[in-house]
Every structure is written in C-alpha cells, then in structure tokens.
Full PDB file with SEQRES, HELIX, SHEET, SSBOND, CRYST1, ORIGX, SCALE, CONECT and MASTER records, all heavy atoms in Angstrom:
SEQRES   1 A   28  ILE GLU PRO PRO TYR VAL HIS ARG ARG ARG ILE PRO HIS          
SEQRES   2 A   28  GLU TRP ILE ILE TYR MET ILE LYS LYS GLY GLU MET GLU          
SEQRES   3 A   28  LEU GLU                                                      
CRYST1    1.000    1.000    1.000  90.00  90.00  90.00 P 1           1          
ORIGX1      1.000000  0.000000  0.000000        0.00000                         
ORIGX2      0.000000  1.000000  0.000000        0.00000                         
ORIGX3      0.000000  0.000000  1.000000        0.00000                         
SCALE1      1.000000  0.000000  0.000000        0.00000                         
SCALE2      0.000000  1.000000  0.000000        0.00000                         
SCALE3      0.000000  0.000000  1.000000        0.00000                         
ATOM      1  N   ILE A   1       7.127   3.083   4.257  1.00  0.00           N  
ATOM      2  CA  ILE A   1       7.200   3.911   3.051  1.00  0.00           C  
ATOM      3  C   ILE A   1       7.151   5.376   3.464  1.00  0.00           C  
ATOM      4  O   ILE A   1       6.635   5.725   4.530  1.00  0.00           O  
ATOM      5  CB  ILE A   1       6.042   3.608   2.074  1.00  0.00           C  
ATOM      6  CG1 ILE A   1       4.686   3.816   2.777  1.00  0.00           C  
ATOM      7  CG2 ILE A   1       6.147   2.205   1.529  1.00  0.00           C  
ATOM      8  CD1 ILE A   1       3.503   3.695   1.834  1.00  0.00           C  
ATOM      9  N   GLU A   2       7.705   6.215   2.622  1.00  0.00           N  
ATOM     10  CA  GLU A   2       7.664   7.650   2.884  1.00  0.00           C  
ATOM     11  C   GLU A   2       7.705   8.376   1.532  1.00  0.00           C  
ATOM     12  O   GLU A   2       8.110   7.798   0.518  1.00  0.00           O  
ATOM     13  CB  GLU A   2       8.835   8.085   3.757  1.00  0.00           C  
ATOM     14  CG  GLU A   2      10.195   7.753   3.192  1.00  0.00           C  
ATOM     15  CD  GLU A   2      11.324   8.103   4.143  1.00  0.00           C  
ATOM     16  OE1 GLU A   2      11.086   8.136   5.367  1.00  0.00           O  
ATOM     17  OE2 GLU A   2      12.438   8.350   3.652  1.00  0.00           O  
ATOM     18  N   PRO A   3       7.227   9.602   1.506  1.00  0.00           N  
ATOM     19  CA  PRO A   3       7.223  10.351   0.233  1.00  0.00           C  
ATOM     20  C   PRO A   3       8.627  10.397  -0.370  1.00  0.00           C  
ATOM     21  O   PRO A   3       9.616  10.417   0.364  1.00  0.00           O  
ATOM     22  CB  PRO A   3       6.739  11.740   0.655  1.00  0.00           C  
ATOM     23  CG  PRO A   3       5.962  11.498   1.908  1.00  0.00           C  
ATOM     24  CD  PRO A   3       6.658  10.370   2.618  1.00  0.00           C  
ATOM     25  N   PRO A   4       8.743  10.351  -1.704  1.00  0.00           N  
ATOM     26  CA  PRO A   4       7.638  10.470  -2.669  1.00  0.00           C  
ATOM     27  C   PRO A   4       7.026   9.143  -3.101  1.00  0.00           C  
ATOM     28  O   PRO A   4       6.255   9.116  -4.058  1.00  0.00           O  
ATOM     29  CB  PRO A   4       8.320  11.152  -3.844  1.00  0.00           C  
ATOM     30  CG  PRO A   4       9.701  10.565  -3.829  1.00  0.00           C  
ATOM     31  CD  PRO A   4      10.062  10.434  -2.366  1.00  0.00           C  
ATOM     32  N   TYR A   5       7.327   8.038  -2.392  1.00  0.00           N  
ATOM     33  CA  TYR A   5       6.865   6.736  -2.845  1.00  0.00           C  
ATOM     34  C   TYR A   5       5.353   6.596  -2.672  1.00  0.00           C  
ATOM     35  O   TYR A   5       4.786   6.981  -1.639  1.00  0.00           O  
ATOM     36  CB  TYR A   5       7.555   5.617  -2.065  1.00  0.00           C  
ATOM     37  CG  TYR A   5       7.045   4.246  -2.420  1.00  0.00           C  
ATOM     38  CD1 TYR A   5       7.519   3.583  -3.537  1.00  0.00           C  
ATOM     39  CD2 TYR A   5       6.051   3.643  -1.654  1.00  0.00           C  
ATOM     40  CE1 TYR A   5       7.034   2.328  -3.887  1.00  0.00           C  
ATOM     41  CE2 TYR A   5       5.564   2.393  -1.993  1.00  0.00           C  
ATOM     42  CZ  TYR A   5       6.059   1.747  -3.113  1.00  0.00           C  
ATOM     43  OH  TYR A   5       5.568   0.514  -3.454  1.00  0.00           O  
ATOM     44  N   VAL A   6       4.700   6.018  -3.660  1.00  0.00           N  
ATOM     45  CA  VAL A   6       3.309   5.576  -3.551  1.00  0.00           C  
ATOM     46  C   VAL A   6       3.223   4.193  -4.176  1.00  0.00           C  
ATOM     47  O   VAL A   6       4.050   3.819  -5.020  1.00  0.00           O  
ATOM     48  CB  VAL A   6       2.321   6.530  -4.275  1.00  0.00           C  
ATOM     49  CG1 VAL A   6       2.287   7.893  -3.618  1.00  0.00           C  
ATOM     50  CG2 VAL A   6       2.656   6.639  -5.753  1.00  0.00           C  
ATOM     51  N   HIS A   7       2.237   3.406  -3.758  1.00  0.00           N  
ATOM     52  CA  HIS A   7       2.054   2.079  -4.338  1.00  0.00           C  
ATOM     53  C   HIS A   7       1.739   2.198  -5.825  1.00  0.00           C  
ATOM     54  O   HIS A   7       0.855   2.971  -6.224  1.00  0.00           O  
ATOM     55  CB  HIS A   7       0.904   1.344  -3.636  1.00  0.00           C  
ATOM     56  CG  HIS A   7       1.260   0.798  -2.298  1.00  0.00           C  
ATOM     57  ND1 HIS A   7       1.221   1.553  -1.150  1.00  0.00           N  
ATOM     58  CD2 HIS A   7       1.688  -0.438  -1.928  1.00  0.00           C  
ATOM     59  CE1 HIS A   7       1.587   0.810  -0.115  1.00  0.00           C  
ATOM     60  NE2 HIS A   7       1.881  -0.401  -0.562  1.00  0.00           N  
ATOM     61  N   ARG A   8       2.448   1.449  -6.640  1.00  0.00           N  
ATOM     62  CA  ARG A   8       2.210   1.491  -8.077  1.00  0.00           C  
ATOM     63  C   ARG A   8       0.906   0.761  -8.403  1.00  0.00           C  
ATOM     64  O   ARG A   8       0.446  -0.099  -7.644  1.00  0.00           O  
ATOM     65  CB  ARG A   8       3.366   0.847  -8.823  1.00  0.00           C  
ATOM     66  CG  ARG A   8       3.595  -0.624  -8.503  1.00  0.00           C  
ATOM     67  CD  ARG A   8       4.800  -1.182  -9.238  1.00  0.00           C  
ATOM     68  NE  ARG A   8       5.075  -2.561  -8.857  1.00  0.00           N  
ATOM     69  CZ  ARG A   8       4.465  -3.624  -9.374  1.00  0.00           C  
ATOM     70  NH1 ARG A   8       3.527  -3.452 -10.291  1.00  0.00           N  
ATOM     71  NH2 ARG A   8       4.788  -4.849  -8.991  1.00  0.00           N  
ATOM     72  N   ARG A   9       0.334   1.106  -9.526  1.00  0.00           N  
ATOM     73  CA  ARG A   9      -0.898   0.455  -9.957  1.00  0.00           C  
ATOM     74  C   ARG A   9      -0.600  -0.997 -10.348  1.00  0.00           C  
ATOM     75  O   ARG A   9       0.335  -1.258 -11.104  1.00  0.00           O  
ATOM     76  CB  ARG A   9      -1.482   1.206 -11.152  1.00  0.00           C  
ATOM     77  CG  ARG A   9      -2.787   0.594 -11.672  1.00  0.00           C  
ATOM     78  CD  ARG A   9      -3.282   1.350 -12.880  1.00  0.00           C  
ATOM     79  NE  ARG A   9      -3.512   2.759 -12.562  1.00  0.00           N  
ATOM     80  CZ  ARG A   9      -3.869   3.655 -13.459  1.00  0.00           C  
ATOM     81  NH1 ARG A   9      -3.990   3.307 -14.741  1.00  0.00           N  
ATOM     82  NH2 ARG A   9      -4.074   4.917 -13.104  1.00  0.00           N  
ATOM     83  N   ARG A  10      -1.411  -1.919  -9.841  1.00  0.00           N  
ATOM     84  CA  ARG A  10      -1.165  -3.326 -10.180  1.00  0.00           C  
ATOM     85  C   ARG A  10      -2.392  -4.184  -9.876  1.00  0.00           C  
ATOM     86  O   ARG A  10      -3.244  -3.810  -9.068  1.00  0.00           O  
ATOM     87  CB  ARG A  10       0.027  -3.877  -9.396  1.00  0.00           C  
ATOM     88  CG  ARG A  10      -0.161  -3.831  -7.890  1.00  0.00           C  
ATOM     89  CD  ARG A  10       0.976  -4.538  -7.180  1.00  0.00           C  
ATOM     90  NE  ARG A  10       0.903  -4.338  -5.736  1.00  0.00           N  
ATOM     91  CZ  ARG A  10       1.640  -5.027  -4.854  1.00  0.00           C  
ATOM     92  NH1 ARG A  10       2.503  -5.930  -5.293  1.00  0.00           N  
ATOM     93  NH2 ARG A  10       1.535  -4.780  -3.570  1.00  0.00           N  
ATOM     94  N   ILE A  11      -2.439  -5.326 -10.526  1.00  0.00           N  
ATOM     95  CA  ILE A  11      -3.382  -6.399 -10.215  1.00  0.00           C  
ATOM     96  C   ILE A  11      -2.534  -7.539  -9.650  1.00  0.00           C  
ATOM     97  O   ILE A  11      -1.735  -8.138 -10.387  1.00  0.00           O  
ATOM     98  CB  ILE A  11      -4.156  -6.844 -11.464  1.00  0.00           C  
ATOM     99  CG1 ILE A  11      -4.980  -5.676 -12.011  1.00  0.00           C  
ATOM    100  CG2 ILE A  11      -5.060  -8.029 -11.137  1.00  0.00           C  
ATOM    101  CD1 ILE A  11      -5.700  -5.995 -13.306  1.00  0.00           C  
ATOM    102  N   PRO A  12      -2.641  -7.854  -8.366  1.00  0.00           N  
ATOM    103  CA  PRO A  12      -1.657  -8.742  -7.724  1.00  0.00           C  
ATOM    104  C   PRO A  12      -1.782 -10.224  -8.069  1.00  0.00           C  
ATOM    105  O   PRO A  12      -0.813 -10.975  -7.932  1.00  0.00           O  
ATOM    106  CB  PRO A  12      -1.922  -8.514  -6.234  1.00  0.00           C  
ATOM    107  CG  PRO A  12      -3.356  -8.110  -6.170  1.00  0.00           C  
ATOM    108  CD  PRO A  12      -3.614  -7.301  -7.411  1.00  0.00           C  
ATOM    109  N   HIS A  13      -2.962 -10.683  -8.457  1.00  0.00           N  
ATOM    110  CA  HIS A  13      -3.195 -12.104  -8.744  1.00  0.00           C  
ATOM    111  C   HIS A  13      -2.933 -12.995  -7.528  1.00  0.00           C  
ATOM    112  O   HIS A  13      -2.609 -14.181  -7.674  1.00  0.00           O  
ATOM    113  CB  HIS A  13      -2.364 -12.571  -9.944  1.00  0.00           C  
ATOM    114  CG  HIS A  13      -2.655 -11.797 -11.198  1.00  0.00           C  
ATOM    115  ND1 HIS A  13      -3.876 -11.813 -11.841  1.00  0.00           N  
ATOM    116  CD2 HIS A  13      -1.871 -10.944 -11.917  1.00  0.00           C  
ATOM    117  CE1 HIS A  13      -3.847 -11.046 -12.897  1.00  0.00           C  
ATOM    118  NE2 HIS A  13      -2.647 -10.483 -12.973  1.00  0.00           N  
ATOM    119  N   GLU A  14      -3.036 -12.427  -6.372  1.00  0.00           N  
ATOM    120  CA  GLU A  14      -2.973 -13.171  -5.113  1.00  0.00           C  
ATOM    121  C   GLU A  14      -3.614 -12.289  -4.049  1.00  0.00           C  
ATOM    122  O   GLU A  14      -3.748 -11.078  -4.223  1.00  0.00           O  
ATOM    123  CB  GLU A  14      -1.531 -13.522  -4.739  1.00  0.00           C  
ATOM    124  CG  GLU A  14      -0.635 -12.316  -4.514  1.00  0.00           C  
ATOM    125  CD  GLU A  14       0.815 -12.709  -4.275  1.00  0.00           C  
ATOM    126  OE1 GLU A  14       1.086 -13.901  -4.068  1.00  0.00           O  
ATOM    127  OE2 GLU A  14       1.679 -11.810  -4.285  1.00  0.00           O  
ATOM    128  N   TRP A  15      -3.998 -12.898  -2.941  1.00  0.00           N  
ATOM    129  CA  TRP A  15      -4.588 -12.137  -1.843  1.00  0.00           C  
ATOM    130  C   TRP A  15      -3.494 -11.398  -1.091  1.00  0.00           C  
ATOM    131  O   TRP A  15      -2.382 -11.919  -0.927  1.00  0.00           O  
ATOM    132  CB  TRP A  15      -5.336 -13.060  -0.900  1.00  0.00           C  
ATOM    133  CG  TRP A  15      -6.513 -13.723  -1.534  1.00  0.00           C  
ATOM    134  CD1 TRP A  15      -6.538 -14.951  -2.137  1.00  0.00           C  
ATOM    135  CD2 TRP A  15      -7.827 -13.190  -1.665  1.00  0.00           C  
ATOM    136  NE1 TRP A  15      -7.789 -15.223  -2.628  1.00  0.00           N  
ATOM    137  CE2 TRP A  15      -8.618 -14.157  -2.356  1.00  0.00           C  
ATOM    138  CE3 TRP A  15      -8.427 -11.999  -1.265  1.00  0.00           C  
ATOM    139  CZ2 TRP A  15      -9.951 -13.963  -2.651  1.00  0.00           C  
ATOM    140  CZ3 TRP A  15      -9.769 -11.800  -1.553  1.00  0.00           C  
ATOM    141  CH2 TRP A  15     -10.519 -12.766  -2.239  1.00  0.00           C  
ATOM    142  N   ILE A  16      -3.813 -10.188  -0.622  1.00  0.00           N  
ATOM    143  CA  ILE A  16      -2.859  -9.396   0.160  1.00  0.00           C  
ATOM    144  C   ILE A  16      -3.573  -8.833   1.396  1.00  0.00           C  
ATOM    145  O   ILE A  16      -4.695  -8.319   1.280  1.00  0.00           O  
ATOM    146  CB  ILE A  16      -2.268  -8.227  -0.651  1.00  0.00           C  
ATOM    147  CG1 ILE A  16      -1.554  -8.740  -1.903  1.00  0.00           C  
ATOM    148  CG2 ILE A  16      -1.304  -7.412   0.206  1.00  0.00           C  
ATOM    149  CD1 ILE A  16      -1.027  -7.621  -2.800  1.00  0.00           C  
ATOM    150  N   ILE A  17      -2.925  -8.929   2.529  1.00  0.00           N  
ATOM    151  CA  ILE A  17      -3.415  -8.303   3.762  1.00  0.00           C  
ATOM    152  C   ILE A  17      -2.443  -7.210   4.164  1.00  0.00           C  
ATOM    153  O   ILE A  17      -1.231  -7.449   4.239  1.00  0.00           O  
ATOM    154  CB  ILE A  17      -3.552  -9.326   4.906  1.00  0.00           C  
ATOM    155  CG1 ILE A  17      -4.645 -10.353   4.583  1.00  0.00           C  
ATOM    156  CG2 ILE A  17      -3.866  -8.627   6.223  1.00  0.00           C  
ATOM    157  CD1 ILE A  17      -4.764 -11.459   5.619  1.00  0.00           C  
ATOM    158  N   TYR A  18      -2.962  -6.019   4.428  1.00  0.00           N  
ATOM    159  CA  TYR A  18      -2.183  -4.924   5.005  1.00  0.00           C  
ATOM    160  C   TYR A  18      -2.702  -4.664   6.414  1.00  0.00           C  
ATOM    161  O   TYR A  18      -3.920  -4.583   6.627  1.00  0.00           O  
ATOM    162  CB  TYR A  18      -2.325  -3.636   4.195  1.00  0.00           C  
ATOM    163  CG  TYR A  18      -1.595  -3.599   2.875  1.00  0.00           C  
ATOM    164  CD1 TYR A  18      -2.054  -2.800   1.832  1.00  0.00           C  
ATOM    165  CD2 TYR A  18      -0.448  -4.344   2.652  1.00  0.00           C  
ATOM    166  CE1 TYR A  18      -1.396  -2.744   0.602  1.00  0.00           C  
ATOM    167  CE2 TYR A  18       0.222  -4.306   1.436  1.00  0.00           C  
ATOM    168  CZ  TYR A  18      -0.254  -3.507   0.419  1.00  0.00           C  
ATOM    169  OH  TYR A  18       0.401  -3.472  -0.784  1.00  0.00           O  
ATOM    170  N   MET A  19      -1.795  -4.531   7.390  1.00  0.00           N  
ATOM    171  CA  MET A  19      -2.175  -4.068   8.718  1.00  0.00           C  
ATOM    172  C   MET A  19      -1.254  -2.908   9.087  1.00  0.00           C  
ATOM    173  O   MET A  19      -0.028  -3.063   9.105  1.00  0.00           O  
ATOM    174  CB  MET A  19      -2.090  -5.155   9.782  1.00  0.00           C  
ATOM    175  CG  MET A  19      -2.761  -4.726  11.098  1.00  0.00           C  
ATOM    176  SD  MET A  19      -2.854  -6.031  12.340  1.00  0.00           S  
ATOM    177  CE  MET A  19      -1.240  -5.853  13.118  1.00  0.00           C  
ATOM    178  N   ILE A  20      -1.831  -1.752   9.370  1.00  0.00           N  
ATOM    179  CA  ILE A  20      -1.070  -0.530   9.580  1.00  0.00           C  
ATOM    180  C   ILE A  20      -0.530  -0.458  11.008  1.00  0.00           C  
ATOM    181  O   ILE A  20      -1.271  -0.670  11.971  1.00  0.00           O  
ATOM    182  CB  ILE A  20      -1.942   0.713   9.288  1.00  0.00           C  
ATOM    183  CG1 ILE A  20      -2.620   0.577   7.925  1.00  0.00           C  
ATOM    184  CG2 ILE A  20      -1.095   1.969   9.350  1.00  0.00           C  
ATOM    185  CD1 ILE A  20      -1.699   0.366   6.766  1.00  0.00           C  
ATOM    186  N   LYS A  21       0.767  -0.178  11.125  1.00  0.00           N  
ATOM    187  CA  LYS A  21       1.408  -0.017  12.430  1.00  0.00           C  
ATOM    188  C   LYS A  21       1.484   1.456  12.845  1.00  0.00           C  
ATOM    189  O   LYS A  21       1.065   1.826  13.942  1.00  0.00           O  
ATOM    190  CB  LYS A  21       2.835  -0.586  12.400  1.00  0.00           C  
ATOM    191  CG  LYS A  21       2.917  -2.087  12.200  1.00  0.00           C  
ATOM    192  CD  LYS A  21       4.358  -2.534  12.068  1.00  0.00           C  
ATOM    193  CE  LYS A  21       5.196  -2.183  13.283  1.00  0.00           C  
ATOM    194  NZ  LYS A  21       6.604  -2.624  13.127  1.00  0.00           N  
ATOM    195  N   LYS A  22       2.030   2.283  11.969  1.00  0.00           N  
ATOM    196  CA  LYS A  22       2.196   3.708  12.260  1.00  0.00           C  
ATOM    197  C   LYS A  22       1.913   4.517  10.994  1.00  0.00           C  
ATOM    198  O   LYS A  22       2.029   4.009   9.878  1.00  0.00           O  
ATOM    199  CB  LYS A  22       3.620   4.018  12.741  1.00  0.00           C  
ATOM    200  CG  LYS A  22       4.005   3.394  14.063  1.00  0.00           C  
ATOM    201  CD  LYS A  22       5.433   3.777  14.442  1.00  0.00           C  
ATOM    202  CE  LYS A  22       5.849   3.131  15.743  1.00  0.00           C  
ATOM    203  NZ  LYS A  22       7.262   3.487  16.110  1.00  0.00           N  
ATOM    204  N   GLY A  23       1.568   5.781  11.189  1.00  0.00           N  
ATOM    205  CA  GLY A  23       1.342   6.657  10.054  1.00  0.00           C  
ATOM    206  C   GLY A  23       0.006   6.385   9.390  1.00  0.00           C  
ATOM    207  O   GLY A  23      -0.956   5.955  10.024  1.00  0.00           O  
ATOM    208  N   GLU A  24      -0.051   6.632   8.089  1.00  0.00           N  
ATOM    209  CA  GLU A  24      -1.290   6.425   7.350  1.00  0.00           C  
ATOM    210  C   GLU A  24      -0.981   6.019   5.918  1.00  0.00           C  
ATOM    211  O   GLU A  24       0.117   6.267   5.410  1.00  0.00           O  
ATOM    212  CB  GLU A  24      -2.132   7.698   7.366  1.00  0.00           C  
ATOM    213  CG  GLU A  24      -1.426   8.915   6.799  1.00  0.00           C  
ATOM    214  CD  GLU A  24      -2.240  10.186   6.965  1.00  0.00           C  
ATOM    215  OE1 GLU A  24      -3.103  10.232   7.863  1.00  0.00           O  
ATOM    216  OE2 GLU A  24      -2.012  11.127   6.183  1.00  0.00           O  
ATOM    217  N   MET A  25      -1.965   5.382   5.289  1.00  0.00           N  
ATOM    218  CA  MET A  25      -1.808   4.937   3.904  1.00  0.00           C  
ATOM    219  C   MET A  25      -3.040   5.360   3.110  1.00  0.00           C  
ATOM    220  O   MET A  25      -4.180   5.141   3.562  1.00  0.00           O  
ATOM    221  CB  MET A  25      -1.630   3.422   3.846  1.00  0.00           C  
ATOM    222  CG  MET A  25      -1.461   2.868   2.422  1.00  0.00           C  
ATOM    223  SD  MET A  25      -1.424   1.045   2.351  1.00  0.00           S  
ATOM    224  CE  MET A  25       0.123   0.686   3.212  1.00  0.00           C  
ATOM    225  N   GLU A  26      -2.812   5.944   1.949  1.00  0.00           N  
ATOM    226  CA  GLU A  26      -3.890   6.317   1.032  1.00  0.00           C  
ATOM    227  C   GLU A  26      -3.859   5.345  -0.147  1.00  0.00           C  
ATOM    228  O   GLU A  26      -2.882   5.278  -0.883  1.00  0.00           O  
ATOM    229  CB  GLU A  26      -3.709   7.748   0.529  1.00  0.00           C  
ATOM    230  CG  GLU A  26      -3.726   8.800   1.624  1.00  0.00           C  
ATOM    231  CD  GLU A  26      -5.121   9.118   2.115  1.00  0.00           C  
ATOM    232  OE1 GLU A  26      -6.096   8.600   1.518  1.00  0.00           O  
ATOM    233  OE2 GLU A  26      -5.261   9.886   3.094  1.00  0.00           O  
ATOM    234  N   LEU A  27      -4.937   4.573  -0.284  1.00  0.00           N  
ATOM    235  CA  LEU A  27      -4.958   3.506  -1.269  1.00  0.00           C  
ATOM    236  C   LEU A  27      -6.330   3.459  -1.935  1.00  0.00           C  
ATOM    237  O   LEU A  27      -7.347   3.811  -1.325  1.00  0.00           O  
ATOM    238  CB  LEU A  27      -4.674   2.165  -0.576  1.00  0.00           C  
ATOM    239  CG  LEU A  27      -4.224   0.977  -1.425  1.00  0.00           C  
ATOM    240  CD1 LEU A  27      -2.836   1.229  -1.981  1.00  0.00           C  
ATOM    241  CD2 LEU A  27      -4.224  -0.286  -0.564  1.00  0.00           C  
ATOM    242  N   GLU A  28      -6.346   3.011  -3.184  1.00  0.00           N  
ATOM    243  CA  GLU A  28      -7.603   2.849  -3.900  1.00  0.00           C  
ATOM    244  C   GLU A  28      -7.605   1.503  -4.595  1.00  0.00           C  
ATOM    245  O   GLU A  28      -6.598   1.086  -5.176  1.00  0.00           O  
ATOM    246  CB  GLU A  28      -7.758   3.969  -4.933  1.00  0.00           C  
ATOM    247  CG  GLU A  28      -9.069   3.929  -5.707  1.00  0.00           C  
ATOM    248  CD  GLU A  28      -9.190   5.084  -6.681  1.00  0.00           C  
ATOM    249  OE1 GLU A  28      -9.418   6.220  -6.223  1.00  0.00           O  
ATOM    250  OE2 GLU A  28      -9.035   4.833  -7.899  1.00  0.00           O  
TER     251      GLU A  28                                                      
MASTER        0    0    0    0    0    0    0    6  250    1    0    3          
END                                                                             
C-alpha cells in the first residue's frame, strides 16, 4: 500500500494476521 490509501474502518468477522515486510503501517 502507498499514500493516499489507508485501511478502511471495518469489523472483519474473521481472524486476520498481518506480518510487515517493508515500510510501516499505522493501524488502530
């Protein structure tokens, strides 16, 4: 991902794993 994209607000109703390869992610 790259600007201007950001993760949209959501309730996933499933488990999610993120593992970062490069760069950085700001998430709440």
